[in-house]
Amino acid sequence: MGNRGMEELIPLVNRLHEALGTVGQSCSLHLPQIAVVGGQSAGKSSVLENFVGRDFLPRGSGIVTRRPLVLQLLNSNIEYGEFFHCKGKKFTDFDEIRREIETETRRLTGSNKGISPVPITLKIYSPHVLNLTLVDLPGITKVPVGDQPADIEYQIRDIIMQYICKENCLVLAVTPANTDLANSDALKLAKDVDPEGQRTIGVITKLDLMDKGTDAREILENRLLPLRR
C-alpha cells in the first residue's frame, strides 16, 4: 500500500481534525492531499469517482460543487460512507450519499447556486481504494447566476487557493480536450502556486467530444504545454 508510517498517520490526523472541529477549532497540521481543480463541467466529478470506482457525486448544469468536498478514502474490508456531520451513520447506498451531499450543500448555500467555503467531509471505506485524501472544489466560473454575488469568480478562486497554496497539496488540473489548453483556468491557477510544476498533474477529459479530424496527441505526448507530470 505504500509508506507504512503514512498509512498509520493518516487516520490519526483525520481524527485530530475531527476532534478539533467539534469544538470550533482548526488544526494547523495538514496531511498531503490531492485537490481537483477545473472549470464548470470540465469532468472533475468523473475523475474523482474513478478513484472510488462508484458514482456518488451530484450532477447537473452550472455550478454543482458549491462547497468543498473533502473525500477521505480509507482501505477497508467492507464498503460504506460516513459523513462528519452524520457521525455514526453508515451509508452503504451510494445514491443516498449523493442525496446527502446535495442536502448538506443546500443547508448552507440555499438552492439557487450560492457557494460556501465550509467543507463537507466524507469518508469512504472500501477494499478498492488506497488511503488518500482528495478535495473536490467548486468549478471556476466568471458570470454570476442565481443568488451568486457579483464577485463570484474571486470567491471561488479564494476557496481554491486555500487548498492548492499548501506545499503538500497535489493539484489535479482538469481541462476538457475540446477546449484550448492555453485558456485552461485550472492550469493557470496551478501555475500561480506551483510555477515549476512540481506538484501539478495535468488531466485531460472529454476526449470523445473533440471535433472530427482533431486529436490530443501533442497534449498527451507533453509537447503542446509541457508539464512535469
C-alpha atoms as a PDB file:
ATOM      1  CA  MET A   1       0.000   0.000   0.000  1.00  0.00           C
ATOM      2  CA  GLY A   2       2.956   2.375   0.298  1.00  0.00           C
ATOM      3  CA  ASN A   3       4.693   4.155   3.177  1.00  0.00           C
ATOM      4  CA  ARG A   4       3.681   2.281   6.348  1.00  0.00           C
ATOM      5  CA  GLY A   5       4.229   5.273   8.617  1.00  0.00           C
ATOM      6  CA  MET A   6       1.964   7.456   6.481  1.00  0.00           C
ATOM      7  CA  GLU A   7      -0.674   4.707   6.383  1.00  0.00           C
ATOM      8  CA  GLU A   8      -0.894   4.849  10.180  1.00  0.00           C
ATOM      9  CA  LEU A   9      -0.600   8.645  10.385  1.00  0.00           C
ATOM     10  CA  ILE A  10      -3.481   9.490   8.028  1.00  0.00           C
ATOM     11  CA  PRO A  11      -6.350   8.177  10.224  1.00  0.00           C
ATOM     12  CA  LEU A  12      -4.705   9.645  13.340  1.00  0.00           C
ATOM     13  CA  VAL A  13      -4.508  13.163  11.908  1.00  0.00           C
ATOM     14  CA  ASN A  14      -8.014  12.856  10.450  1.00  0.00           C
ATOM     15  CA  ARG A  15      -9.332  12.060  13.945  1.00  0.00           C
ATOM     16  CA  LEU A  16      -7.436  15.074  15.304  1.00  0.00           C
ATOM     17  CA  HIS A  17      -9.080  17.343  12.698  1.00  0.00           C
ATOM     18  CA  GLU A  18     -12.496  15.962  13.647  1.00  0.00           C
ATOM     19  CA  ALA A  19     -11.958  16.357  17.383  1.00  0.00           C
ATOM     20  CA  LEU A  20     -10.891  19.982  17.000  1.00  0.00           C
ATOM     21  CA  GLY A  21     -13.687  20.635  14.516  1.00  0.00           C
ATOM     22  CA  THR A  22     -16.345  19.631  17.064  1.00  0.00           C
ATOM     23  CA  VAL A  23     -15.209  22.445  19.367  1.00  0.00           C
ATOM     24  CA  GLY A  24     -14.867  25.001  16.590  1.00  0.00           C
ATOM     25  CA  GLN A  25     -11.083  24.889  16.358  1.00  0.00           C
ATOM     26  CA  SER A  26      -8.897  24.295  13.319  1.00  0.00           C
ATOM     27  CA  CYS A  27      -5.825  22.106  13.075  1.00  0.00           C
ATOM     28  CA  SER A  28      -2.681  23.584  11.538  1.00  0.00           C
ATOM     29  CA  LEU A  29      -1.290  20.108  10.768  1.00  0.00           C
ATOM     30  CA  HIS A  30      -2.062  19.227   7.153  1.00  0.00           C
ATOM     31  CA  LEU A  31      -1.508  15.843   5.530  1.00  0.00           C
ATOM     32  CA  PRO A  32      -0.720  15.536   1.835  1.00  0.00           C
ATOM     33  CA  GLN A  33      -3.901  15.777  -0.207  1.00  0.00           C
ATOM     34  CA  ILE A  34      -4.967  15.976  -3.834  1.00  0.00           C
ATOM     35  CA  ALA A  35      -7.128  18.914  -4.920  1.00  0.00           C
ATOM     36  CA  VAL A  36      -9.194  18.612  -8.087  1.00  0.00           C
ATOM     37  CA  VAL A  37      -9.392  21.947  -9.926  1.00  0.00           C
ATOM     38  CA  GLY A  38     -11.193  22.806 -13.157  1.00  0.00           C
ATOM     39  CA  GLY A  39     -13.876  24.873 -14.836  1.00  0.00           C
ATOM     40  CA  GLN A  40     -17.572  24.095 -14.645  1.00  0.00           C
ATOM     41  CA  SER A  41     -18.461  20.888 -16.492  1.00  0.00           C
ATOM     42  CA  ALA A  42     -14.768  20.067 -17.043  1.00  0.00           C
ATOM     43  CA  GLY A  43     -15.274  16.482 -15.867  1.00  0.00           C
ATOM     44  CA  LYS A  44     -13.927  16.813 -12.304  1.00  0.00           C
ATOM     45  CA  SER A  45     -16.635  14.577 -10.867  1.00  0.00           C
ATOM     46  CA  SER A  46     -15.815  11.725 -13.248  1.00  0.00           C
ATOM     47  CA  VAL A  47     -12.125  11.969 -12.333  1.00  0.00           C
ATOM     48  CA  LEU A  48     -12.929  11.795  -8.615  1.00  0.00           C
ATOM     49  CA  GLU A  49     -15.378   8.939  -8.982  1.00  0.00           C
ATOM     50  CA  ASN A  50     -12.740   6.903 -10.792  1.00  0.00           C
ATOM     51  CA  PHE A  51     -10.632   6.963  -7.625  1.00  0.00           C
ATOM     52  CA  VAL A  52     -13.519   5.316  -5.775  1.00  0.00           C
ATOM     53  CA  GLY A  53     -14.970   3.188  -8.551  1.00  0.00           C
ATOM     54  CA  ARG A  54     -18.500   4.379  -7.714  1.00  0.00           C
ATOM     55  CA  ASP A  55     -20.885   7.087  -8.935  1.00  0.00           C
ATOM     56  CA  PHE A  56     -21.792   9.204  -5.915  1.00  0.00           C
ATOM     57  CA  LEU A  57     -21.301  12.892  -6.791  1.00  0.00           C
ATOM     58  CA  PRO A  58     -24.157  15.266  -7.722  1.00  0.00           C
ATOM     59  CA  ARG A  59     -24.597  16.051 -11.404  1.00  0.00           C
ATOM     60  CA  GLY A  60     -26.262  18.917 -13.228  1.00  0.00           C
ATOM     61  CA  SER A  61     -25.724  22.073 -15.229  1.00  0.00           C
ATOM     62  CA  GLY A  62     -23.923  25.158 -13.979  1.00  0.00           C
ATOM     63  CA  ILE A  63     -22.080  25.118 -10.667  1.00  0.00           C
ATOM     64  CA  VAL A  64     -22.840  21.820  -8.925  1.00  0.00           C
ATOM     65  CA  THR A  65     -19.992  21.657  -6.376  1.00  0.00           C
ATOM     66  CA  ARG A  66     -20.873  24.655  -4.216  1.00  0.00           C
ATOM     67  CA  ARG A  67     -18.912  23.664  -1.102  1.00  0.00           C
ATOM     68  CA  PRO A  68     -15.512  21.939  -0.953  1.00  0.00           C
ATOM     69  CA  LEU A  69     -15.892  18.184  -0.517  1.00  0.00           C
ATOM     70  CA  VAL A  70     -13.050  16.645   1.473  1.00  0.00           C
ATOM     71  CA  LEU A  71     -13.042  12.978   0.487  1.00  0.00           C
ATOM     72  CA  GLN A  72     -11.058  10.692   2.771  1.00  0.00           C
ATOM     73  CA  LEU A  73     -10.511   7.269   1.186  1.00  0.00           C
ATOM     74  CA  LEU A  74      -9.660   4.502   3.637  1.00  0.00           C
ATOM     75  CA  ASN A  75      -8.838   0.938   2.635  1.00  0.00           C
ATOM     76  CA  SER A  76     -11.152  -1.481   4.441  1.00  0.00           C
ATOM     77  CA  ASN A  77     -12.649  -4.939   4.047  1.00  0.00           C
ATOM     78  CA  ILE A  78     -16.180  -3.513   3.881  1.00  0.00           C
ATOM     79  CA  GLU A  79     -17.569  -0.662   1.769  1.00  0.00           C
ATOM     80  CA  TYR A  80     -19.559   2.245   3.175  1.00  0.00           C
ATOM     81  CA  GLY A  81     -19.521   6.018   3.514  1.00  0.00           C
ATOM     82  CA  GLU A  82     -19.651   8.202   6.609  1.00  0.00           C
ATOM     83  CA  PHE A  83     -20.171  11.973   6.850  1.00  0.00           C
ATOM     84  CA  PHE A  84     -18.596  14.136   9.546  1.00  0.00           C
ATOM     85  CA  HIS A  85     -21.968  15.854  10.078  1.00  0.00           C
ATOM     86  CA  CYS A  86     -23.778  12.472  10.444  1.00  0.00           C
ATOM     87  CA  LYS A  87     -21.419  10.711  12.819  1.00  0.00           C
ATOM     88  CA  GLY A  88     -22.186   7.081  13.443  1.00  0.00           C
ATOM     89  CA  LYS A  89     -24.453   6.671  10.389  1.00  0.00           C
ATOM     90  CA  LYS A  90     -23.072   4.304   7.759  1.00  0.00           C
ATOM     91  CA  PHE A  91     -24.181   4.902   4.158  1.00  0.00           C
ATOM     92  CA  THR A  92     -23.986   1.712   2.098  1.00  0.00           C
ATOM     93  CA  ASP A  93     -26.119   3.091  -0.767  1.00  0.00           C
ATOM     94  CA  PHE A  94     -24.044   5.457  -2.909  1.00  0.00           C
ATOM     95  CA  ASP A  95     -27.194   7.107  -4.303  1.00  0.00           C
ATOM     96  CA  GLU A  96     -28.019   8.026  -0.709  1.00  0.00           C
ATOM     97  CA  ILE A  97     -24.520   9.508  -0.354  1.00  0.00           C
ATOM     98  CA  ARG A  98     -25.214  11.706  -3.378  1.00  0.00           C
ATOM     99  CA  ARG A  99     -28.519  12.889  -1.903  1.00  0.00           C
ATOM    100  CA  GLU A 100     -26.860  13.674   1.431  1.00  0.00           C
ATOM    101  CA  ILE A 101     -24.181  15.779  -0.312  1.00  0.00           C
ATOM    102  CA  GLU A 102     -26.939  17.713  -2.100  1.00  0.00           C
ATOM    103  CA  THR A 103     -28.932  18.203   1.133  1.00  0.00           C
ATOM    104  CA  GLU A 104     -25.931  19.334   3.152  1.00  0.00           C
ATOM    105  CA  THR A 105     -24.866  21.700   0.356  1.00  0.00           C
ATOM    106  CA  ARG A 106     -28.316  23.340   0.279  1.00  0.00           C
ATOM    107  CA  ARG A 107     -28.346  23.682   4.059  1.00  0.00           C
ATOM    108  CA  LEU A 108     -25.593  26.322   3.929  1.00  0.00           C
ATOM    109  CA  THR A 109     -25.849  27.691   0.402  1.00  0.00           C
ATOM    110  CA  GLY A 110     -29.561  27.615  -0.405  1.00  0.00           C
ATOM    111  CA  SER A 111     -31.000  26.206  -3.603  1.00  0.00           C
ATOM    112  CA  ASN A 112     -30.104  28.996  -6.038  1.00  0.00           C
ATOM    113  CA  LYS A 113     -26.410  28.479  -6.854  1.00  0.00           C
ATOM    114  CA  GLY A 114     -24.886  30.138  -3.756  1.00  0.00           C
ATOM    115  CA  ILE A 115     -21.455  28.923  -2.560  1.00  0.00           C
ATOM    116  CA  SER A 116     -19.731  28.422   0.809  1.00  0.00           C
ATOM    117  CA  PRO A 117     -16.101  27.764   1.830  1.00  0.00           C
ATOM    118  CA  VAL A 118     -17.222  25.446   4.668  1.00  0.00           C
ATOM    119  CA  PRO A 119     -16.280  21.914   3.565  1.00  0.00           C
ATOM    120  CA  ILE A 120     -18.312  18.721   3.632  1.00  0.00           C
ATOM    121  CA  THR A 121     -16.186  15.837   4.908  1.00  0.00           C
ATOM    122  CA  LEU A 122     -16.956  12.350   3.605  1.00  0.00           C
ATOM    123  CA  LYS A 123     -15.074   9.177   4.467  1.00  0.00           C
ATOM    124  CA  ILE A 124     -15.365   6.234   2.104  1.00  0.00           C
ATOM    125  CA  TYR A 125     -14.201   2.859   3.376  1.00  0.00           C
ATOM    126  CA  SER A 126     -13.661   0.303   0.625  1.00  0.00           C
ATOM    127  CA  PRO A 127     -11.421  -2.630  -0.354  1.00  0.00           C
ATOM    128  CA  HIS A 128     -10.979  -0.937  -3.757  1.00  0.00           C
ATOM    129  CA  VAL A 129      -9.289   2.316  -2.632  1.00  0.00           C
ATOM    130  CA  LEU A 130      -5.895   3.487  -1.429  1.00  0.00           C
ATOM    131  CA  ASN A 131      -5.558   5.667   1.649  1.00  0.00           C
ATOM    132  CA  LEU A 132      -5.845   9.118   0.057  1.00  0.00           C
ATOM    133  CA  THR A 133      -7.377  12.485   0.838  1.00  0.00           C
ATOM    134  CA  LEU A 134      -8.982  14.194  -2.166  1.00  0.00           C
ATOM    135  CA  VAL A 135     -10.693  17.577  -2.310  1.00  0.00           C
ATOM    136  CA  ASP A 136     -13.406  18.389  -4.847  1.00  0.00           C
ATOM    137  CA  LEU A 137     -13.536  22.170  -5.306  1.00  0.00           C
ATOM    138  CA  PRO A 138     -16.166  24.447  -6.894  1.00  0.00           C
ATOM    139  CA  GLY A 139     -15.794  24.814 -10.635  1.00  0.00           C
ATOM    140  CA  ILE A 140     -14.194  28.025 -11.846  1.00  0.00           C
ATOM    141  CA  THR A 141     -16.829  30.432 -13.150  1.00  0.00           C
ATOM    142  CA  LYS A 142     -16.846  34.031 -14.374  1.00  0.00           C
ATOM    143  CA  VAL A 143     -20.502  35.093 -14.673  1.00  0.00           C
ATOM    144  CA  PRO A 144     -22.740  35.171 -11.550  1.00  0.00           C
ATOM    145  CA  VAL A 145     -26.105  33.394 -11.761  1.00  0.00           C
ATOM    146  CA  GLY A 146     -28.956  32.926  -9.270  1.00  0.00           C
ATOM    147  CA  ASP A 147     -28.031  34.154  -5.790  1.00  0.00           C
ATOM    148  CA  GLN A 148     -24.351  34.360  -6.606  1.00  0.00           C
ATOM    149  CA  PRO A 149     -22.612  37.648  -5.744  1.00  0.00           C
ATOM    150  CA  ALA A 150     -21.005  39.836  -8.418  1.00  0.00           C
ATOM    151  CA  ASP A 151     -17.545  38.755  -7.249  1.00  0.00           C
ATOM    152  CA  ILE A 152     -18.297  35.010  -7.549  1.00  0.00           C
ATOM    153  CA  GLU A 153     -15.175  34.435  -9.667  1.00  0.00           C
ATOM    154  CA  TYR A 154     -12.928  35.802  -6.922  1.00  0.00           C
ATOM    155  CA  GLN A 155     -14.777  33.989  -4.138  1.00  0.00           C
ATOM    156  CA  ILE A 156     -14.302  30.655  -5.902  1.00  0.00           C
ATOM    157  CA  ARG A 157     -10.664  31.493  -6.594  1.00  0.00           C
ATOM    158  CA  ASP A 158     -10.141  32.238  -2.872  1.00  0.00           C
ATOM    159  CA  ILE A 159     -11.700  28.894  -1.879  1.00  0.00           C
ATOM    160  CA  ILE A 160      -9.476  27.023  -4.341  1.00  0.00           C
ATOM    161  CA  MET A 161      -6.367  28.915  -3.207  1.00  0.00           C
ATOM    162  CA  GLN A 162      -6.970  27.942   0.430  1.00  0.00           C
ATOM    163  CA  TYR A 163      -6.208  24.363  -0.606  1.00  0.00           C
ATOM    164  CA  ILE A 164      -3.772  24.472  -3.504  1.00  0.00           C
ATOM    165  CA  CYS A 165      -1.361  27.021  -1.996  1.00  0.00           C
ATOM    166  CA  LYS A 166      -0.278  24.401   0.581  1.00  0.00           C
ATOM    167  CA  GLU A 167       3.085  22.924  -0.378  1.00  0.00           C
ATOM    168  CA  ASN A 168       1.943  19.359   0.331  1.00  0.00           C
ATOM    169  CA  CYS A 169      -1.137  19.578  -1.904  1.00  0.00           C
ATOM    170  CA  LEU A 170      -1.022  17.942  -5.335  1.00  0.00           C
ATOM    171  CA  VAL A 171      -3.114  19.797  -7.920  1.00  0.00           C
ATOM    172  CA  LEU A 172      -5.117  17.768 -10.425  1.00  0.00           C
ATOM    173  CA  ALA A 173      -5.665  20.430 -13.097  1.00  0.00           C
ATOM    174  CA  VAL A 174      -8.605  19.164 -15.164  1.00  0.00           C
ATOM    175  CA  THR A 175      -9.076  20.535 -18.694  1.00  0.00           C
ATOM    176  CA  PRO A 176     -11.520  19.239 -21.356  1.00  0.00           C
ATOM    177  CA  ALA A 177      -9.788  18.123 -24.557  1.00  0.00           C
ATOM    178  CA  ASN A 178     -12.260  20.102 -26.684  1.00  0.00           C
ATOM    179  CA  THR A 179     -11.059  23.472 -25.301  1.00  0.00           C
ATOM    180  CA  ASP A 180      -7.838  25.381 -25.925  1.00  0.00           C
ATOM    181  CA  LEU A 181      -5.252  24.278 -23.368  1.00  0.00           C
ATOM    182  CA  ALA A 182      -3.744  27.780 -23.415  1.00  0.00           C
ATOM    183  CA  ASN A 183      -7.017  29.083 -21.929  1.00  0.00           C
ATOM    184  CA  SER A 184      -7.220  26.492 -19.143  1.00  0.00           C
ATOM    185  CA  ASP A 185      -8.241  28.219 -15.895  1.00  0.00           C
ATOM    186  CA  ALA A 186      -7.145  25.145 -13.936  1.00  0.00           C
ATOM    187  CA  LEU A 187      -3.614  25.214 -15.347  1.00  0.00           C
ATOM    188  CA  LYS A 188      -3.395  28.978 -14.817  1.00  0.00           C
ATOM    189  CA  LEU A 189      -4.314  28.675 -11.127  1.00  0.00           C
ATOM    190  CA  ALA A 190      -1.912  25.763 -10.708  1.00  0.00           C
ATOM    191  CA  LYS A 191       0.883  27.807 -12.276  1.00  0.00           C
ATOM    192  CA  ASP A 192       0.206  30.676  -9.843  1.00  0.00           C
ATOM    193  CA  VAL A 193       1.002  28.464  -6.829  1.00  0.00           C
ATOM    194  CA  ASP A 194       3.358  25.960  -8.487  1.00  0.00           C
ATOM    195  CA  PRO A 195       5.312  27.797 -11.195  1.00  0.00           C
ATOM    196  CA  GLU A 196       7.814  24.930 -11.608  1.00  0.00           C
ATOM    197  CA  GLY A 197       5.039  22.368 -11.991  1.00  0.00           C
ATOM    198  CA  GLN A 198       6.491  20.107  -9.294  1.00  0.00           C
ATOM    199  CA  ARG A 199       3.096  19.207  -7.815  1.00  0.00           C
ATOM    200  CA  THR A 200       0.735  19.793 -10.731  1.00  0.00           C
ATOM    201  CA  ILE A 201      -0.767  16.840 -12.594  1.00  0.00           C
ATOM    202  CA  GLY A 202      -2.469  17.703 -15.882  1.00  0.00           C
ATOM    203  CA  VAL A 203      -5.664  15.763 -16.562  1.00  0.00           C
ATOM    204  CA  ILE A 204      -7.389  15.772 -19.967  1.00  0.00           C
ATOM    205  CA  THR A 205     -11.090  14.846 -20.074  1.00  0.00           C
ATOM    206  CA  LYS A 206     -13.826  14.581 -22.724  1.00  0.00           C
ATOM    207  CA  LEU A 207     -11.608  13.206 -25.486  1.00  0.00           C
ATOM    208  CA  ASP A 208     -14.783  11.818 -27.082  1.00  0.00           C
ATOM    209  CA  LEU A 209     -16.096  15.361 -27.649  1.00  0.00           C
ATOM    210  CA  MET A 210     -13.179  16.549 -29.776  1.00  0.00           C
ATOM    211  CA  ASP A 211     -14.029  17.761 -33.286  1.00  0.00           C
ATOM    212  CA  LYS A 212     -13.773  15.193 -36.060  1.00  0.00           C
ATOM    213  CA  GLY A 213     -10.279  15.137 -37.535  1.00  0.00           C
ATOM    214  CA  THR A 214      -8.593  16.506 -34.380  1.00  0.00           C
ATOM    215  CA  ASP A 215      -6.738  14.618 -31.662  1.00  0.00           C
ATOM    216  CA  ALA A 216      -4.924  15.180 -28.382  1.00  0.00           C
ATOM    217  CA  ARG A 217      -1.634  13.582 -29.413  1.00  0.00           C
ATOM    218  CA  GLU A 218       0.503  16.700 -28.814  1.00  0.00           C
ATOM    219  CA  ILE A 219      -1.071  17.234 -25.375  1.00  0.00           C
ATOM    220  CA  LEU A 220      -0.688  13.625 -24.264  1.00  0.00           C
ATOM    221  CA  GLU A 221       2.904  13.471 -25.542  1.00  0.00           C
ATOM    222  CA  ASN A 222       3.584  16.600 -23.430  1.00  0.00           C
ATOM    223  CA  ARG A 223       4.635  18.692 -26.437  1.00  0.00           C
ATOM    224  CA  LEU A 224       1.944  21.382 -26.534  1.00  0.00           C
ATOM    225  CA  LEU A 225       2.162  22.627 -22.936  1.00  0.00           C
ATOM    226  CA  PRO A 226       4.889  20.629 -21.186  1.00  0.00           C
ATOM    227  CA  LEU A 227       4.177  19.539 -17.616  1.00  0.00           C
ATOM    228  CA  ARG A 228       6.401  17.561 -15.297  1.00  0.00           C
ATOM    229  CA  ARG A 229       3.502  15.233 -14.532  1.00  0.00           C
END
